[in-house]
Amino acid sequence: MADERNLEVEETEVITLEFDDGVEVECEIMGVFDYDGKEYIALIPDDGSDDVYIYGYKEVGEDEFELVDIEDDAEFEKVVAEFDKIMAEEA
């Protein structure tokens, strides 16, 4: 059984996010991870910052997925803490 705390990514993939204000940002998919029975995705924006975007992740087809905003602040904080733990373990 694989360690569920590892980020899973097979190859470098880039997606383009379009925000409500029409701004588009290309992001590298850092990986997908599980927390509390749900899947989340970490994205690195190609904007010169050190930011990491974290969204809920939902597969909707064979090679398709959907990003889901994490609207609950408490859930978001827990997911970020889990992501930080994973990054510390992989360093």
PDB file of N, CA and C in Angstrom:
ATOM      1  N   MET A   1       0.848  -1.183   0.000  1.00  0.00           N
ATOM      2  CA  MET A   1       0.000   0.000   0.000  1.00  0.00           C
ATOM      3  C   MET A   1       0.886   1.236   0.000  1.00  0.00           C
ATOM      4  N   ALA A   2       0.621   2.140  -0.900  1.00  0.00           N
ATOM      5  CA  ALA A   2       1.425   3.354  -1.032  1.00  0.00           C
ATOM      6  C   ALA A   2       1.119   4.311   0.112  1.00  0.00           C
ATOM      7  N   ASP A   3       2.111   5.092   0.475  1.00  0.00           N
ATOM      8  CA  ASP A   3       1.935   6.119   1.491  1.00  0.00           C
ATOM      9  C   ASP A   3       1.036   7.203   0.913  1.00  0.00           C
ATOM     10  N   GLU A   4      -0.136   7.380   1.493  1.00  0.00           N
ATOM     11  CA  GLU A   4      -1.109   8.320   0.956  1.00  0.00           C
ATOM     12  C   GLU A   4      -0.682   9.766   1.113  1.00  0.00           C
ATOM     13  N   ARG A   5       0.374  10.015   1.853  1.00  0.00           N
ATOM     14  CA  ARG A   5       0.785  11.386   2.105  1.00  0.00           C
ATOM     15  C   ARG A   5       1.669  11.929   0.996  1.00  0.00           C
ATOM     16  N   ASN A   6       2.149  11.078   0.110  1.00  0.00           N
ATOM     17  CA  ASN A   6       3.009  11.548  -0.974  1.00  0.00           C
ATOM     18  C   ASN A   6       2.187  12.223  -2.053  1.00  0.00           C
ATOM     19  N   LEU A   7       2.773  13.233  -2.655  1.00  0.00           N
ATOM     20  CA  LEU A   7       2.136  13.854  -3.807  1.00  0.00           C
ATOM     21  C   LEU A   7       2.338  12.939  -4.996  1.00  0.00           C
ATOM     22  N   GLU A   8       1.295  12.721  -5.770  1.00  0.00           N
ATOM     23  CA  GLU A   8       1.398  11.862  -6.940  1.00  0.00           C
ATOM     24  C   GLU A   8       1.392  12.714  -8.198  1.00  0.00           C
ATOM     25  N   VAL A   9       2.442  12.609  -8.988  1.00  0.00           N
ATOM     26  CA  VAL A   9       2.483  13.274 -10.281  1.00  0.00           C
ATOM     27  C   VAL A   9       3.396  12.447 -11.173  1.00  0.00           C
ATOM     28  N   GLU A  10       2.951  12.137 -12.359  1.00  0.00           N
ATOM     29  CA  GLU A  10       3.703  11.262 -13.240  1.00  0.00           C
ATOM     30  C   GLU A  10       4.665  12.026 -14.132  1.00  0.00           C
ATOM     31  N   GLU A  11       4.254  13.168 -14.639  1.00  0.00           N
ATOM     32  CA  GLU A  11       5.115  13.953 -15.501  1.00  0.00           C
ATOM     33  C   GLU A  11       4.715  15.408 -15.344  1.00  0.00           C
ATOM     34  N   THR A  12       5.582  16.306 -15.781  1.00  0.00           N
ATOM     35  CA  THR A  12       5.273  17.720 -15.658  1.00  0.00           C
ATOM     36  C   THR A  12       4.122  18.075 -16.586  1.00  0.00           C
ATOM     37  N   GLU A  13       3.077  18.558 -15.986  1.00  0.00           N
ATOM     38  CA  GLU A  13       1.910  18.982 -16.752  1.00  0.00           C
ATOM     39  C   GLU A  13       1.609  20.423 -16.386  1.00  0.00           C
ATOM     40  N   VAL A  14       1.134  21.159 -17.364  1.00  0.00           N
ATOM     41  CA  VAL A  14       0.798  22.559 -17.152  1.00  0.00           C
ATOM     42  C   VAL A  14      -0.670  22.764 -17.506  1.00  0.00           C
ATOM     43  N   ILE A  15      -1.377  23.507 -16.666  1.00  0.00           N
ATOM     44  CA  ILE A  15      -2.754  23.877 -16.958  1.00  0.00           C
ATOM     45  C   ILE A  15      -2.862  25.393 -16.868  1.00  0.00           C
ATOM     46  N   THR A  16      -3.873  25.941 -17.487  1.00  0.00           N
ATOM     47  CA  THR A  16      -4.111  27.377 -17.426  1.00  0.00           C
ATOM     48  C   THR A  16      -5.353  27.633 -16.587  1.00  0.00           C
ATOM     49  N   LEU A  17      -5.184  28.443 -15.544  1.00  0.00           N
ATOM     50  CA  LEU A  17      -6.318  28.847 -14.717  1.00  0.00           C
ATOM     51  C   LEU A  17      -6.818  30.188 -15.219  1.00  0.00           C
ATOM     52  N   GLU A  18      -8.120  30.331 -15.281  1.00  0.00           N
ATOM     53  CA  GLU A  18      -8.699  31.635 -15.612  1.00  0.00           C
ATOM     54  C   GLU A  18      -9.539  32.082 -14.425  1.00  0.00           C
ATOM     55  N   PHE A  19      -9.170  33.224 -13.866  1.00  0.00           N
ATOM     56  CA  PHE A  19      -9.861  33.750 -12.700  1.00  0.00           C
ATOM     57  C   PHE A  19     -11.082  34.568 -13.123  1.00  0.00           C
ATOM     58  N   ASP A  20     -11.935  34.891 -12.170  1.00  0.00           N
ATOM     59  CA  ASP A  20     -13.172  35.620 -12.441  1.00  0.00           C
ATOM     60  C   ASP A  20     -12.939  36.959 -13.136  1.00  0.00           C
ATOM     61  N   ASP A  21     -11.771  37.570 -12.880  1.00  0.00           N
ATOM     62  CA  ASP A  21     -11.486  38.874 -13.491  1.00  0.00           C
ATOM     63  C   ASP A  21     -10.894  38.747 -14.895  1.00  0.00           C
ATOM     64  N   GLY A  22     -10.832  37.510 -15.421  1.00  0.00           N
ATOM     65  CA  GLY A  22     -10.333  37.288 -16.770  1.00  0.00           C
ATOM     66  C   GLY A  22      -8.836  37.055 -16.869  1.00  0.00           C
ATOM     67  N   VAL A  23      -8.127  37.205 -15.755  1.00  0.00           N
ATOM     68  CA  VAL A  23      -6.679  36.979 -15.745  1.00  0.00           C
ATOM     69  C   VAL A  23      -6.409  35.480 -15.869  1.00  0.00           C
ATOM     70  N   GLU A  24      -5.467  35.123 -16.747  1.00  0.00           N
ATOM     71  CA  GLU A  24      -5.077  33.725 -16.919  1.00  0.00           C
ATOM     72  C   GLU A  24      -3.668  33.524 -16.387  1.00  0.00           C
ATOM     73  N   VAL A  25      -3.459  32.413 -15.695  1.00  0.00           N
ATOM     74  CA  VAL A  25      -2.148  32.071 -15.140  1.00  0.00           C
ATOM     75  C   VAL A  25      -1.855  30.620 -15.484  1.00  0.00           C
ATOM     76  N   GLU A  26      -0.701  30.383 -16.102  1.00  0.00           N
ATOM     77  CA  GLU A  26      -0.272  29.007 -16.340  1.00  0.00           C
ATOM     78  C   GLU A  26       0.298  28.455 -15.036  1.00  0.00           C
ATOM     79  N   CYS A  27      -0.058  27.209 -14.738  1.00  0.00           N
ATOM     80  CA  CYS A  27       0.394  26.574 -13.503  1.00  0.00           C
ATOM     81  C   CYS A  27       0.919  25.175 -13.802  1.00  0.00           C
ATOM     82  N   GLU A  28       2.025  24.847 -13.157  1.00  0.00           N
ATOM     83  CA  GLU A  28       2.540  23.480 -13.215  1.00  0.00           C
ATOM     84  C   GLU A  28       1.818  22.674 -12.151  1.00  0.00           C
ATOM     85  N   ILE A  29       1.394  21.471 -12.513  1.00  0.00           N
ATOM     86  CA  ILE A  29       0.755  20.593 -11.533  1.00  0.00           C
ATOM     87  C   ILE A  29       1.854  19.978 -10.682  1.00  0.00           C
ATOM     88  N   MET A  30       1.880  20.359  -9.419  1.00  0.00           N
ATOM     89  CA  MET A  30       2.872  19.843  -8.485  1.00  0.00           C
ATOM     90  C   MET A  30       2.524  18.416  -8.073  1.00  0.00           C
ATOM     91  N   GLY A  31       1.233  18.179  -7.837  1.00  0.00           N
ATOM     92  CA  GLY A  31       0.806  16.835  -7.473  1.00  0.00           C
ATOM     93  C   GLY A  31      -0.565  16.828  -6.837  1.00  0.00           C
ATOM     94  N   VAL A  32      -1.070  15.623  -6.636  1.00  0.00           N
ATOM     95  CA  VAL A  32      -2.372  15.395  -6.014  1.00  0.00           C
ATOM     96  C   VAL A  32      -2.115  14.641  -4.710  1.00  0.00           C
ATOM     97  N   PHE A  33      -2.845  15.025  -3.660  1.00  0.00           N
ATOM     98  CA  PHE A  33      -2.677  14.347  -2.372  1.00  0.00           C
ATOM     99  C   PHE A  33      -4.031  14.161  -1.707  1.00  0.00           C
ATOM    100  N   ASP A  34      -4.086  13.176  -0.814  1.00  0.00           N
ATOM    101  CA  ASP A  34      -5.316  12.876  -0.079  1.00  0.00           C
ATOM    102  C   ASP A  34      -5.243  13.481   1.310  1.00  0.00           C
ATOM    103  N   TYR A  35      -6.370  13.963   1.763  1.00  0.00           N
ATOM    104  CA  TYR A  35      -6.492  14.401   3.154  1.00  0.00           C
ATOM    105  C   TYR A  35      -7.934  14.211   3.588  1.00  0.00           C
ATOM    106  N   ASP A  36      -8.120  13.505   4.670  1.00  0.00           N
ATOM    107  CA  ASP A  36      -9.437  13.309   5.275  1.00  0.00           C
ATOM    108  C   ASP A  36     -10.459  12.765   4.280  1.00  0.00           C
ATOM    109  N   GLY A  37     -10.009  11.825   3.433  1.00  0.00           N
ATOM    110  CA  GLY A  37     -10.915  11.161   2.506  1.00  0.00           C
ATOM    111  C   GLY A  37     -11.209  11.922   1.228  1.00  0.00           C
ATOM    112  N   LYS A  38     -10.565  13.063   1.034  1.00  0.00           N
ATOM    113  CA  LYS A  38     -10.768  13.849  -0.178  1.00  0.00           C
ATOM    114  C   LYS A  38      -9.436  14.052  -0.879  1.00  0.00           C
ATOM    115  N   GLU A  39      -9.505  14.332  -2.184  1.00  0.00           N
ATOM    116  CA  GLU A  39      -8.298  14.602  -2.945  1.00  0.00           C
ATOM    117  C   GLU A  39      -8.153  16.100  -3.183  1.00  0.00           C
ATOM    118  N   TYR A  40      -6.896  16.541  -3.144  1.00  0.00           N
ATOM    119  CA  TYR A  40      -6.562  17.944  -3.367  1.00  0.00           C
ATOM    120  C   TYR A  40      -5.406  18.005  -4.350  1.00  0.00           C
ATOM    121  N   ILE A  41      -5.261  19.148  -5.022  1.00  0.00           N
ATOM    122  CA  ILE A  41      -4.194  19.322  -6.001  1.00  0.00           C
ATOM    123  C   ILE A  41      -3.397  20.577  -5.644  1.00  0.00           C
ATOM    124  N   ALA A  42      -2.081  20.488  -5.805  1.00  0.00           N
ATOM    125  CA  ALA A  42      -1.197  21.619  -5.570  1.00  0.00           C
ATOM    126  C   ALA A  42      -0.660  22.089  -6.918  1.00  0.00           C
ATOM    127  N   LEU A  43      -0.765  23.384  -7.158  1.00  0.00           N
ATOM    128  CA  LEU A  43      -0.340  23.987  -8.423  1.00  0.00           C
ATOM    129  C   LEU A  43       0.688  25.075  -8.153  1.00  0.00           C
ATOM    130  N   ILE A  44       1.691  25.165  -9.021  1.00  0.00           N
ATOM    131  CA  ILE A  44       2.696  26.216  -8.923  1.00  0.00           C
ATOM    132  C   ILE A  44       2.471  27.193 -10.067  1.00  0.00           C
ATOM    133  N   PRO A  45       2.062  28.433  -9.759  1.00  0.00           N
ATOM    134  CA  PRO A  45       1.824  29.402 -10.826  1.00  0.00           C
ATOM    135  C   PRO A  45       3.129  29.869 -11.455  1.00  0.00           C
ATOM    136  N   ASP A  46       3.097  30.077 -12.758  1.00  0.00           N
ATOM    137  CA  ASP A  46       4.267  30.559 -13.490  1.00  0.00           C
ATOM    138  C   ASP A  46       4.213  32.087 -13.534  1.00  0.00           C
ATOM    139  N   ASP A  47       4.298  32.683 -12.335  1.00  0.00           N
ATOM    140  CA  ASP A  47       4.205  34.141 -12.251  1.00  0.00           C
ATOM    141  C   ASP A  47       5.379  34.751 -11.491  1.00  0.00           C
ATOM    142  N   GLY A  48       6.417  33.934 -11.257  1.00  0.00           N
ATOM    143  CA  GLY A  48       7.610  34.432 -10.583  1.00  0.00           C
ATOM    144  C   GLY A  48       7.487  34.488  -9.065  1.00  0.00           C
ATOM    145  N   SER A  49       6.337  34.110  -8.529  1.00  0.00           N
ATOM    146  CA  SER A  49       6.152  34.134  -7.074  1.00  0.00           C
ATOM    147  C   SER A  49       6.518  32.770  -6.483  1.00  0.00           C
ATOM    148  N   ASP A  50       6.491  32.699  -5.168  1.00  0.00           N
ATOM    149  CA  ASP A  50       6.714  31.433  -4.466  1.00  0.00           C
ATOM    150  C   ASP A  50       5.389  30.811  -4.034  1.00  0.00           C
ATOM    151  N   ASP A  51       4.294  31.290  -4.612  1.00  0.00           N
ATOM    152  CA  ASP A  51       2.966  30.822  -4.229  1.00  0.00           C
ATOM    153  C   ASP A  51       2.724  29.379  -4.663  1.00  0.00           C
ATOM    154  N   VAL A  52       1.854  28.720  -3.940  1.00  0.00           N
ATOM    155  CA  VAL A  52       1.323  27.411  -4.327  1.00  0.00           C
ATOM    156  C   VAL A  52      -0.181  27.526  -4.183  1.00  0.00           C
ATOM    157  N   TYR A  53      -0.906  27.152  -5.236  1.00  0.00           N
ATOM    158  CA  TYR A  53      -2.361  27.161  -5.193  1.00  0.00           C
ATOM    159  C   TYR A  53      -2.829  25.762  -4.830  1.00  0.00           C
ATOM    160  N   ILE A  54      -3.781  25.672  -3.911  1.00  0.00           N
ATOM    161  CA  ILE A  54      -4.332  24.376  -3.514  1.00  0.00           C
ATOM    162  C   ILE A  54      -5.846  24.412  -3.729  1.00  0.00           C
ATOM    163  N   TYR A  55      -6.324  23.398  -4.443  1.00  0.00           N
ATOM    164  CA  TYR A  55      -7.745  23.261  -4.746  1.00  0.00           C
ATOM    165  C   TYR A  55      -8.185  21.842  -4.430  1.00  0.00           C
ATOM    166  N   GLY A  56      -9.485  21.672  -4.272  1.00  0.00           N
ATOM    167  CA  GLY A  56     -10.041  20.335  -4.259  1.00  0.00           C
ATOM    168  C   GLY A  56      -9.877  19.759  -5.658  1.00  0.00           C
ATOM    169  N   TYR A  57      -9.769  18.438  -5.746  1.00  0.00           N
ATOM    170  CA  TYR A  57      -9.511  17.762  -7.018  1.00  0.00           C
ATOM    171  C   TYR A  57     -10.568  16.700  -7.214  1.00  0.00           C
ATOM    172  N   LYS A  58     -11.183  16.699  -8.385  1.00  0.00           N
ATOM    173  CA  LYS A  58     -12.228  15.719  -8.674  1.00  0.00           C
ATOM    174  C   LYS A  58     -12.053  15.219 -10.102  1.00  0.00           C
ATOM    175  N   GLU A  59     -11.853  13.917 -10.240  1.00  0.00           N
ATOM    176  CA  GLU A  59     -11.754  13.331 -11.583  1.00  0.00           C
ATOM    177  C   GLU A  59     -13.152  13.262 -12.174  1.00  0.00           C
ATOM    178  N   VAL A  60     -13.264  13.704 -13.446  1.00  0.00           N
ATOM    179  CA  VAL A  60     -14.571  13.693 -14.108  1.00  0.00           C
ATOM    180  C   VAL A  60     -14.555  12.878 -15.392  1.00  0.00           C
ATOM    181  N   GLY A  61     -13.440  12.293 -15.702  1.00  0.00           N
ATOM    182  CA  GLY A  61     -13.325  11.478 -16.902  1.00  0.00           C
ATOM    183  C   GLY A  61     -11.982  10.784 -16.897  1.00  0.00           C
ATOM    184  N   GLU A  62     -11.694  10.071 -17.973  1.00  0.00           N
ATOM    185  CA  GLU A  62     -10.448   9.307 -18.029  1.00  0.00           C
ATOM    186  C   GLU A  62      -9.216  10.192 -17.850  1.00  0.00           C
ATOM    187  N   ASP A  63      -9.120  11.270 -18.590  1.00  0.00           N
ATOM    188  CA  ASP A  63      -7.982  12.178 -18.482  1.00  0.00           C
ATOM    189  C   ASP A  63      -8.431  13.592 -18.149  1.00  0.00           C
ATOM    190  N   GLU A  64      -9.566  13.714 -17.485  1.00  0.00           N
ATOM    191  CA  GLU A  64     -10.102  15.027 -17.174  1.00  0.00           C
ATOM    192  C   GLU A  64     -10.346  15.143 -15.675  1.00  0.00           C
ATOM    193  N   PHE A  65     -10.179  16.367 -15.190  1.00  0.00           N
ATOM    194  CA  PHE A  65     -10.443  16.623 -13.778  1.00  0.00           C
ATOM    195  C   PHE A  65     -10.998  18.022 -13.621  1.00  0.00           C
ATOM    196  N   GLU A  66     -11.530  18.252 -12.437  1.00  0.00           N
ATOM    197  CA  GLU A  66     -12.152  19.517 -12.108  1.00  0.00           C
ATOM    198  C   GLU A  66     -11.467  20.067 -10.867  1.00  0.00           C
ATOM    199  N   LEU A  67     -11.234  21.378 -10.818  1.00  0.00           N
ATOM    200  CA  LEU A  67     -10.723  22.023  -9.617  1.00  0.00           C
ATOM    201  C   LEU A  67     -11.920  22.541  -8.834  1.00  0.00           C
ATOM    202  N   VAL A  68     -11.875  22.346  -7.525  1.00  0.00           N
ATOM    203  CA  VAL A  68     -12.970  22.766  -6.661  1.00  0.00           C
ATOM    204  C   VAL A  68     -12.418  23.738  -5.628  1.00  0.00           C
ATOM    205  N   ASP A  69     -12.993  24.932  -5.569  1.00  0.00           N
ATOM    206  CA  ASP A  69     -12.570  25.897  -4.562  1.00  0.00           C
ATOM    207  C   ASP A  69     -12.823  25.339  -3.166  1.00  0.00           C
ATOM    208  N   ILE A  70     -11.891  25.572  -2.261  1.00  0.00           N
ATOM    209  CA  ILE A  70     -12.068  25.188  -0.859  1.00  0.00           C
ATOM    210  C   ILE A  70     -12.611  26.428  -0.161  1.00  0.00           C
ATOM    211  N   GLU A  71     -13.904  26.464   0.048  1.00  0.00           N
ATOM    212  CA  GLU A  71     -14.549  27.675   0.558  1.00  0.00           C
ATOM    213  C   GLU A  71     -14.572  27.756   2.077  1.00  0.00           C
ATOM    214  N   ASP A  72     -14.427  26.634   2.748  1.00  0.00           N
ATOM    215  CA  ASP A  72     -14.429  26.619   4.207  1.00  0.00           C
ATOM    216  C   ASP A  72     -13.016  26.933   4.715  1.00  0.00           C
ATOM    217  N   ASP A  73     -12.873  28.034   5.461  1.00  0.00           N
ATOM    218  CA  ASP A  73     -11.547  28.462   5.927  1.00  0.00           C
ATOM    219  C   ASP A  73     -10.869  27.418   6.811  1.00  0.00           C
ATOM    220  N   ALA A  74     -11.626  26.770   7.678  1.00  0.00           N
ATOM    221  CA  ALA A  74     -11.047  25.760   8.570  1.00  0.00           C
ATOM    222  C   ALA A  74     -10.532  24.574   7.761  1.00  0.00           C
ATOM    223  N   GLU A  75     -11.315  24.126   6.779  1.00  0.00           N
ATOM    224  CA  GLU A  75     -10.871  23.027   5.920  1.00  0.00           C
ATOM    225  C   GLU A  75      -9.607  23.437   5.166  1.00  0.00           C
ATOM    226  N   PHE A  76      -9.598  24.654   4.620  1.00  0.00           N
ATOM    227  CA  PHE A  76      -8.436  25.126   3.863  1.00  0.00           C
ATOM    228  C   PHE A  76      -7.182  25.128   4.737  1.00  0.00           C
ATOM    229  N   GLU A  77      -7.296  25.616   5.968  1.00  0.00           N
ATOM    230  CA  GLU A  77      -6.144  25.651   6.876  1.00  0.00           C
ATOM    231  C   GLU A  77      -5.629  24.246   7.160  1.00  0.00           C
ATOM    232  N   LYS A  78      -6.524  23.280   7.353  1.00  0.00           N
ATOM    233  CA  LYS A  78      -6.113  21.900   7.610  1.00  0.00           C
ATOM    234  C   LYS A  78      -5.428  21.294   6.385  1.00  0.00           C
ATOM    235  N   VAL A  79      -5.953  21.580   5.197  1.00  0.00           N
ATOM    236  CA  VAL A  79      -5.368  21.055   3.962  1.00  0.00           C
ATOM    237  C   VAL A  79      -3.978  21.647   3.743  1.00  0.00           C
ATOM    238  N   VAL A  80      -3.823  22.944   3.999  1.00  0.00           N
ATOM    239  CA  VAL A  80      -2.511  23.589   3.861  1.00  0.00           C
ATOM    240  C   VAL A  80      -1.514  22.993   4.864  1.00  0.00           C
ATOM    241  N   ALA A  81      -1.962  22.743   6.087  1.00  0.00           N
ATOM    242  CA  ALA A  81      -1.087  22.132   7.094  1.00  0.00           C
ATOM    243  C   ALA A  81      -0.647  20.738   6.642  1.00  0.00           C
ATOM    244  N   GLU A  82      -1.556  19.964   6.061  1.00  0.00           N
ATOM    245  CA  GLU A  82      -1.215  18.632   5.549  1.00  0.00           C
ATOM    246  C   GLU A  82      -0.218  18.746   4.401  1.00  0.00           C
ATOM    247  N   PHE A  83      -0.447  19.696   3.493  1.00  0.00           N
ATOM    248  CA  PHE A  83       0.479  19.923   2.387  1.00  0.00           C
ATOM    249  C   PHE A  83       1.872  20.277   2.920  1.00  0.00           C
ATOM    250  N   ASP A  84       1.931  21.155   3.916  1.00  0.00           N
ATOM    251  CA  ASP A  84       3.219  21.534   4.510  1.00  0.00           C
ATOM    252  C   ASP A  84       3.929  20.327   5.125  1.00  0.00           C
ATOM    253  N   LYS A  85       3.179  19.434   5.787  1.00  0.00           N
ATOM    254  CA  LYS A  85       3.763  18.211   6.344  1.00  0.00           C
ATOM    255  C   LYS A  85       4.358  17.340   5.261  1.00  0.00           C
ATOM    256  N   ILE A  86       3.621  17.172   4.171  1.00  0.00           N
ATOM    257  CA  ILE A  86       4.090  16.356   3.055  1.00  0.00           C
ATOM    258  C   ILE A  86       5.381  16.937   2.488  1.00  0.00           C
ATOM    259  N   MET A  87       5.404  18.241   2.306  1.00  0.00           N
ATOM    260  CA  MET A  87       6.599  18.901   1.742  1.00  0.00           C
ATOM    261  C   MET A  87       7.800  18.748   2.672  1.00  0.00           C
ATOM    262  N   ALA A  88       7.569  18.841   3.981  1.00  0.00           N
ATOM    263  CA  ALA A  88       8.649  18.683   4.949  1.00  0.00           C
ATOM    264  C   ALA A  88       9.195  17.261   4.927  1.00  0.00           C
ATOM    265  N   GLU A  89       8.315  16.257   4.765  1.00  0.00           N
ATOM    266  CA  GLU A  89       8.746  14.873   4.721  1.00  0.00           C
ATOM    267  C   GLU A  89       9.521  14.554   3.437  1.00  0.00           C
ATOM    268  N   GLU A  90       9.160  15.218   2.327  1.00  0.00           N
ATOM    269  CA  GLU A  90       9.820  14.934   1.055  1.00  0.00           C
ATOM    270  C   GLU A  90      11.129  15.694   0.898  1.00  0.00           C
ATOM    271  N   ALA A  91      11.362  16.689   1.776  1.00  0.00           N
ATOM    272  CA  ALA A  91      12.586  17.499   1.662  1.00  0.00           C
ATOM    273  C   ALA A  91      13.790  16.778   2.210  1.00  0.00           C
TER     274      ALA A  91
END
